[in-house]
């Protein structure tokens, strides 16, 4: 706030200008670690289970937020994926040839998704004290959702090649319909009370 323009920043001595080097010289390792850990926890919680704020005391209804239950949606997709993994292990025939197995690059793709989520969570967590940036954290949401759906679809294709029961596809379709119904109901609720948090 005291140096909020280019001219004011340039007028500062070089050793006092905001930078990681300056921050590291004025804070202990423990303080920096606490900032990273606390900020990352706050960001991840805001991503999966955002807090609600009330409009005011006279009207105690909460402000609406887009995808307030987004953690539940992610959890549901994760449960679908875990269920498919168990089905692949215990309810489908063993792979007879390479086309029925998961490709080796699956591990690299999964690692890329996991490391991206971890890396961006840490980066956004570090900057929590100087800017909430919830909109940036939400940029992780769509890639996580699409990655989970991609993983489910990949397992289903392998299961299909192994001659798995058609009920596996039907069960997956029903589970996805439940999720779509939940999101659709949320949209109805938003339209009934269209007041949003800032």
C-alpha atoms as a PDB file:
ATOM      1  CA  UNK A   1       0.000   0.000   0.000  1.00  0.00           C
ATOM      2  CA  UNK A   2       2.902   2.408   0.644  1.00  0.00           C
ATOM      3  CA  UNK A   3       4.576   1.661  -2.694  1.00  0.00           C
ATOM      4  CA  UNK A   4       1.668   1.145  -5.034  1.00  0.00           C
ATOM      5  CA  UNK A   5       3.047   2.678  -8.206  1.00  0.00           C
ATOM      6  CA  UNK A   6       5.953   2.075 -10.532  1.00  0.00           C
ATOM      7  CA  UNK A   7       7.577   5.374  -9.570  1.00  0.00           C
ATOM      8  CA  UNK A   8       7.427   4.631  -5.839  1.00  0.00           C
ATOM      9  CA  UNK A   9       8.876   1.162  -6.343  1.00  0.00           C
ATOM     10  CA  UNK A  10      11.741   2.477  -8.483  1.00  0.00           C
ATOM     11  CA  UNK A  11      12.491   5.132  -5.861  1.00  0.00           C
ATOM     12  CA  UNK A  12      13.111   2.472  -3.220  1.00  0.00           C
ATOM     13  CA  UNK A  13      16.659   1.242  -2.555  1.00  0.00           C
ATOM     14  CA  UNK A  14      17.332  -1.940  -4.528  1.00  0.00           C
ATOM     15  CA  UNK A  15      17.883  -4.016  -1.409  1.00  0.00           C
ATOM     16  CA  UNK A  16      14.432  -3.020  -0.085  1.00  0.00           C
ATOM     17  CA  UNK A  17      12.366  -3.606  -3.206  1.00  0.00           C
ATOM     18  CA  UNK A  18       9.772  -6.388  -2.951  1.00  0.00           C
ATOM     19  CA  UNK A  19      11.269  -9.680  -4.102  1.00  0.00           C
ATOM     20  CA  UNK A  20      11.697 -13.190  -2.831  1.00  0.00           C
ATOM     21  CA  UNK A  21      15.306 -12.397  -1.923  1.00  0.00           C
ATOM     22  CA  UNK A  22      14.210  -9.438   0.206  1.00  0.00           C
ATOM     23  CA  UNK A  23      11.453 -11.489   1.796  1.00  0.00           C
ATOM     24  CA  UNK A  24      13.849 -14.348   2.589  1.00  0.00           C
ATOM     25  CA  UNK A  25      16.287 -11.996   4.339  1.00  0.00           C
ATOM     26  CA  UNK A  26      13.570 -10.543   6.565  1.00  0.00           C
ATOM     27  CA  UNK A  27      11.779 -13.786   7.462  1.00  0.00           C
ATOM     28  CA  UNK A  28      12.899 -17.054   9.005  1.00  0.00           C
ATOM     29  CA  UNK A  29      12.616 -20.405   7.256  1.00  0.00           C
ATOM     30  CA  UNK A  30       9.899 -21.358   9.730  1.00  0.00           C
ATOM     31  CA  UNK A  31       7.872 -18.255   8.861  1.00  0.00           C
ATOM     32  CA  UNK A  32       8.177 -18.977   5.152  1.00  0.00           C
ATOM     33  CA  UNK A  33       7.189 -22.614   5.643  1.00  0.00           C
ATOM     34  CA  UNK A  34       4.176 -21.592   7.741  1.00  0.00           C
ATOM     35  CA  UNK A  35       3.112 -19.130   5.062  1.00  0.00           C
ATOM     36  CA  UNK A  36       3.310 -21.844   2.413  1.00  0.00           C
ATOM     37  CA  UNK A  37       1.529 -24.517   4.463  1.00  0.00           C
ATOM     38  CA  UNK A  38      -1.219 -22.264   5.841  1.00  0.00           C
ATOM     39  CA  UNK A  39      -1.857 -20.638   2.472  1.00  0.00           C
ATOM     40  CA  UNK A  40      -2.001 -23.965   0.653  1.00  0.00           C
ATOM     41  CA  UNK A  41      -4.446 -25.388   3.207  1.00  0.00           C
ATOM     42  CA  UNK A  42      -6.643 -22.324   2.817  1.00  0.00           C
ATOM     43  CA  UNK A  43      -6.575 -22.535  -0.970  1.00  0.00           C
ATOM     44  CA  UNK A  44      -7.318 -26.257  -1.150  1.00  0.00           C
ATOM     45  CA  UNK A  45     -10.200 -25.911   1.318  1.00  0.00           C
ATOM     46  CA  UNK A  46     -11.586 -22.993  -0.666  1.00  0.00           C
ATOM     47  CA  UNK A  47     -11.322 -25.080  -3.821  1.00  0.00           C
ATOM     48  CA  UNK A  48     -13.187 -28.128  -2.518  1.00  0.00           C
ATOM     49  CA  UNK A  49     -15.387 -26.642   0.227  1.00  0.00           C
ATOM     50  CA  UNK A  50     -15.853 -22.868  -0.096  1.00  0.00           C
ATOM     51  CA  UNK A  51     -17.064 -20.931   2.916  1.00  0.00           C
ATOM     52  CA  UNK A  52     -20.411 -19.155   2.884  1.00  0.00           C
ATOM     53  CA  UNK A  53     -20.997 -15.534   3.809  1.00  0.00           C
ATOM     54  CA  UNK A  54     -24.330 -14.026   4.815  1.00  0.00           C
ATOM     55  CA  UNK A  55     -25.851 -11.105   2.954  1.00  0.00           C
ATOM     56  CA  UNK A  56     -26.534  -9.112   6.142  1.00  0.00           C
ATOM     57  CA  UNK A  57     -28.144  -9.468   9.561  1.00  0.00           C
ATOM     58  CA  UNK A  58     -31.580  -8.427   8.339  1.00  0.00           C
ATOM     59  CA  UNK A  59     -31.469 -10.926   5.485  1.00  0.00           C
ATOM     60  CA  UNK A  60     -29.452 -13.878   6.829  1.00  0.00           C
ATOM     61  CA  UNK A  61     -29.564 -15.902   3.630  1.00  0.00           C
ATOM     62  CA  UNK A  62     -26.122 -16.803   2.313  1.00  0.00           C
ATOM     63  CA  UNK A  63     -24.779 -15.302  -0.850  1.00  0.00           C
ATOM     64  CA  UNK A  64     -24.865 -17.776  -3.684  1.00  0.00           C
ATOM     65  CA  UNK A  65     -21.596 -19.044  -5.084  1.00  0.00           C
ATOM     66  CA  UNK A  66     -21.071 -20.909  -8.318  1.00  0.00           C
ATOM     67  CA  UNK A  67     -20.498 -24.616  -7.610  1.00  0.00           C
ATOM     68  CA  UNK A  68     -20.557 -24.251  -3.844  1.00  0.00           C
ATOM     69  CA  UNK A  69     -20.666 -28.038  -3.524  1.00  0.00           C
ATOM     70  CA  UNK A  70     -17.785 -28.546  -5.914  1.00  0.00           C
ATOM     71  CA  UNK A  71     -15.889 -30.714  -3.440  1.00  0.00           C
ATOM     72  CA  UNK A  72     -18.800 -33.185  -3.393  1.00  0.00           C
ATOM     73  CA  UNK A  73     -18.799 -33.334  -7.176  1.00  0.00           C
ATOM     74  CA  UNK A  74     -15.079 -34.075  -7.215  1.00  0.00           C
ATOM     75  CA  UNK A  75     -15.531 -36.665  -4.482  1.00  0.00           C
ATOM     76  CA  UNK A  76     -18.283 -38.371  -6.468  1.00  0.00           C
ATOM     77  CA  UNK A  77     -16.084 -38.559  -9.561  1.00  0.00           C
ATOM     78  CA  UNK A  78     -13.233 -39.938  -7.451  1.00  0.00           C
ATOM     79  CA  UNK A  79     -15.553 -42.630  -6.038  1.00  0.00           C
ATOM     80  CA  UNK A  80     -16.609 -43.583  -9.558  1.00  0.00           C
ATOM     81  CA  UNK A  81     -12.952 -43.914 -10.531  1.00  0.00           C
ATOM     82  CA  UNK A  82     -12.139 -46.026  -7.466  1.00  0.00           C
ATOM     83  CA  UNK A  83     -15.147 -48.244  -8.184  1.00  0.00           C
ATOM     84  CA  UNK A  84     -13.969 -48.770 -11.758  1.00  0.00           C
ATOM     85  CA  UNK A  85     -10.477 -49.615 -10.550  1.00  0.00           C
ATOM     86  CA  UNK A  86     -11.905 -52.317  -8.271  1.00  0.00           C
ATOM     87  CA  UNK A  87     -14.086 -53.595 -11.120  1.00  0.00           C
ATOM     88  CA  UNK A  88     -11.043 -53.785 -13.400  1.00  0.00           C
ATOM     89  CA  UNK A  89      -9.174 -55.778 -10.768  1.00  0.00           C
ATOM     90  CA  UNK A  90     -11.879 -58.139  -9.554  1.00  0.00           C
ATOM     91  CA  UNK A  91     -14.860 -58.127 -11.973  1.00  0.00           C
ATOM     92  CA  UNK A  92     -13.289 -58.233 -15.432  1.00  0.00           C
ATOM     93  CA  UNK A  93     -11.272 -60.934 -17.168  1.00  0.00           C
ATOM     94  CA  UNK A  94      -7.499 -60.623 -16.962  1.00  0.00           C
ATOM     95  CA  UNK A  95      -5.868 -58.918 -19.983  1.00  0.00           C
ATOM     96  CA  UNK A  96      -4.964 -61.373 -22.712  1.00  0.00           C
ATOM     97  CA  UNK A  97      -2.898 -59.006 -24.881  1.00  0.00           C
ATOM     98  CA  UNK A  98      -1.422 -55.492 -24.914  1.00  0.00           C
ATOM     99  CA  UNK A  99      -4.583 -53.770 -26.229  1.00  0.00           C
ATOM    100  CA  UNK A 100      -6.435 -54.842 -23.094  1.00  0.00           C
ATOM    101  CA  UNK A 101      -3.849 -53.441 -20.688  1.00  0.00           C
ATOM    102  CA  UNK A 102      -3.367 -49.870 -19.551  1.00  0.00           C
ATOM    103  CA  UNK A 103      -0.692 -48.172 -21.596  1.00  0.00           C
ATOM    104  CA  UNK A 104       2.618 -47.358 -19.847  1.00  0.00           C
ATOM    105  CA  UNK A 105       2.172 -43.650 -20.574  1.00  0.00           C
ATOM    106  CA  UNK A 106      -0.869 -43.666 -18.275  1.00  0.00           C
ATOM    107  CA  UNK A 107       1.516 -43.393 -15.327  1.00  0.00           C
ATOM    108  CA  UNK A 108       3.232 -40.341 -16.822  1.00  0.00           C
ATOM    109  CA  UNK A 109      -0.097 -38.673 -17.602  1.00  0.00           C
ATOM    110  CA  UNK A 110      -1.397 -39.332 -14.095  1.00  0.00           C
ATOM    111  CA  UNK A 111       1.824 -38.010 -12.579  1.00  0.00           C
ATOM    112  CA  UNK A 112       1.557 -34.861 -14.706  1.00  0.00           C
ATOM    113  CA  UNK A 113      -1.987 -34.196 -13.453  1.00  0.00           C
ATOM    114  CA  UNK A 114      -1.064 -34.832  -9.810  1.00  0.00           C
ATOM    115  CA  UNK A 115       2.088 -32.712  -9.922  1.00  0.00           C
ATOM    116  CA  UNK A 116       0.251 -29.877 -11.688  1.00  0.00           C
ATOM    117  CA  UNK A 117      -2.420 -29.788  -8.987  1.00  0.00           C
ATOM    118  CA  UNK A 118       0.204 -29.914  -6.233  1.00  0.00           C
ATOM    119  CA  UNK A 119       2.416 -27.284  -7.907  1.00  0.00           C
ATOM    120  CA  UNK A 120      -0.367 -24.793  -8.555  1.00  0.00           C
ATOM    121  CA  UNK A 121      -1.841 -25.339  -5.079  1.00  0.00           C
ATOM    122  CA  UNK A 122       1.529 -24.491  -3.524  1.00  0.00           C
ATOM    123  CA  UNK A 123       1.975 -21.458  -5.782  1.00  0.00           C
ATOM    124  CA  UNK A 124      -1.489 -20.075  -5.040  1.00  0.00           C
ATOM    125  CA  UNK A 125      -1.023 -20.920  -1.366  1.00  0.00           C
ATOM    126  CA  UNK A 126       2.186 -18.896  -1.214  1.00  0.00           C
ATOM    127  CA  UNK A 127       0.456 -15.804  -2.593  1.00  0.00           C
ATOM    128  CA  UNK A 128      -2.579 -16.081  -0.283  1.00  0.00           C
ATOM    129  CA  UNK A 129      -1.386 -13.308   2.118  1.00  0.00           C
ATOM    130  CA  UNK A 130      -1.163 -10.721  -0.674  1.00  0.00           C
ATOM    131  CA  UNK A 131      -4.221 -11.719  -2.689  1.00  0.00           C
ATOM    132  CA  UNK A 132      -6.954 -14.278  -2.255  1.00  0.00           C
ATOM    133  CA  UNK A 133      -7.096 -15.117  -5.945  1.00  0.00           C
ATOM    134  CA  UNK A 134      -9.921 -17.646  -5.623  1.00  0.00           C
ATOM    135  CA  UNK A 135     -10.636 -17.222  -9.321  1.00  0.00           C
ATOM    136  CA  UNK A 136      -7.129 -18.462 -10.091  1.00  0.00           C
ATOM    137  CA  UNK A 137      -7.456 -21.484  -7.805  1.00  0.00           C
ATOM    138  CA  UNK A 138     -10.678 -22.367  -9.593  1.00  0.00           C
ATOM    139  CA  UNK A 139      -8.677 -22.615 -12.802  1.00  0.00           C
ATOM    140  CA  UNK A 140      -7.587 -25.984 -11.406  1.00  0.00           C
ATOM    141  CA  UNK A 141     -11.136 -27.257 -11.074  1.00  0.00           C
ATOM    142  CA  UNK A 142     -11.993 -27.957 -14.708  1.00  0.00           C
ATOM    143  CA  UNK A 143      -8.689 -29.780 -15.398  1.00  0.00           C
ATOM    144  CA  UNK A 144      -9.204 -31.959 -12.289  1.00  0.00           C
ATOM    145  CA  UNK A 145     -12.754 -32.823 -13.348  1.00  0.00           C
ATOM    146  CA  UNK A 146     -11.735 -33.585 -16.915  1.00  0.00           C
ATOM    147  CA  UNK A 147      -8.775 -35.672 -15.713  1.00  0.00           C
ATOM    148  CA  UNK A 148     -11.029 -37.793 -13.504  1.00  0.00           C
ATOM    149  CA  UNK A 149     -13.517 -38.285 -16.339  1.00  0.00           C
ATOM    150  CA  UNK A 150     -10.654 -39.150 -18.721  1.00  0.00           C
ATOM    151  CA  UNK A 151      -9.358 -41.743 -16.244  1.00  0.00           C
ATOM    152  CA  UNK A 152     -12.822 -43.297 -15.901  1.00  0.00           C
ATOM    153  CA  UNK A 153     -13.310 -43.433 -19.664  1.00  0.00           C
ATOM    154  CA  UNK A 154      -9.867 -44.985 -20.153  1.00  0.00           C
ATOM    155  CA  UNK A 155     -10.649 -47.751 -17.668  1.00  0.00           C
ATOM    156  CA  UNK A 156     -14.025 -48.381 -19.285  1.00  0.00           C
ATOM    157  CA  UNK A 157     -12.450 -48.744 -22.724  1.00  0.00           C
ATOM    158  CA  UNK A 158      -9.970 -51.294 -21.370  1.00  0.00           C
ATOM    159  CA  UNK A 159     -12.780 -53.127 -19.579  1.00  0.00           C
ATOM    160  CA  UNK A 160     -14.776 -53.204 -22.813  1.00  0.00           C
ATOM    161  CA  UNK A 161     -11.832 -54.738 -24.649  1.00  0.00           C
ATOM    162  CA  UNK A 162     -11.651 -57.437 -21.987  1.00  0.00           C
ATOM    163  CA  UNK A 163     -15.293 -58.345 -22.533  1.00  0.00           C
ATOM    164  CA  UNK A 164     -16.583 -56.880 -19.279  1.00  0.00           C
ATOM    165  CA  UNK A 165     -20.286 -56.930 -18.464  1.00  0.00           C
ATOM    166  CA  UNK A 166     -22.378 -54.205 -20.149  1.00  0.00           C
ATOM    167  CA  UNK A 167     -23.579 -53.319 -16.664  1.00  0.00           C
ATOM    168  CA  UNK A 168     -20.240 -51.655 -16.064  1.00  0.00           C
ATOM    169  CA  UNK A 169     -21.081 -49.051 -18.704  1.00  0.00           C
ATOM    170  CA  UNK A 170     -24.650 -48.799 -17.456  1.00  0.00           C
ATOM    171  CA  UNK A 171     -23.512 -48.295 -13.877  1.00  0.00           C
ATOM    172  CA  UNK A 172     -21.074 -45.611 -15.007  1.00  0.00           C
ATOM    173  CA  UNK A 173     -23.838 -43.896 -16.984  1.00  0.00           C
ATOM    174  CA  UNK A 174     -26.183 -43.949 -13.982  1.00  0.00           C
ATOM    175  CA  UNK A 175     -23.467 -42.524 -11.717  1.00  0.00           C
ATOM    176  CA  UNK A 176     -22.809 -39.713 -14.205  1.00  0.00           C
ATOM    177  CA  UNK A 177     -26.552 -39.012 -14.465  1.00  0.00           C
ATOM    178  CA  UNK A 178     -26.720 -38.643 -10.678  1.00  0.00           C
ATOM    179  CA  UNK A 179     -23.908 -36.085 -10.865  1.00  0.00           C
ATOM    180  CA  UNK A 180     -25.560 -34.222 -13.743  1.00  0.00           C
ATOM    181  CA  UNK A 181     -28.843 -34.156 -11.805  1.00  0.00           C
ATOM    182  CA  UNK A 182     -27.076 -32.716  -8.740  1.00  0.00           C
ATOM    183  CA  UNK A 183     -25.424 -29.963 -10.778  1.00  0.00           C
ATOM    184  CA  UNK A 184     -28.706 -29.237 -12.591  1.00  0.00           C
ATOM    185  CA  UNK A 185     -30.540 -28.922  -9.276  1.00  0.00           C
ATOM    186  CA  UNK A 186     -27.873 -26.510  -8.113  1.00  0.00           C
ATOM    187  CA  UNK A 187     -28.512 -24.374 -11.194  1.00  0.00           C
ATOM    188  CA  UNK A 188     -32.237 -24.364 -10.382  1.00  0.00           C
ATOM    189  CA  UNK A 189     -31.438 -23.207  -6.842  1.00  0.00           C
ATOM    190  CA  UNK A 190     -29.228 -20.437  -8.180  1.00  0.00           C
ATOM    191  CA  UNK A 191     -31.990 -19.225 -10.506  1.00  0.00           C
ATOM    192  CA  UNK A 192     -34.471 -19.219  -7.616  1.00  0.00           C
ATOM    193  CA  UNK A 193     -32.201 -16.980  -5.545  1.00  0.00           C
ATOM    194  CA  UNK A 194     -29.800 -15.216  -7.938  1.00  0.00           C
ATOM    195  CA  UNK A 195     -27.656 -13.251  -5.497  1.00  0.00           C
ATOM    196  CA  UNK A 196     -23.971 -13.995  -5.658  1.00  0.00           C
ATOM    197  CA  UNK A 197     -20.962 -13.411  -3.493  1.00  0.00           C
ATOM    198  CA  UNK A 198     -18.498 -10.834  -4.770  1.00  0.00           C
END
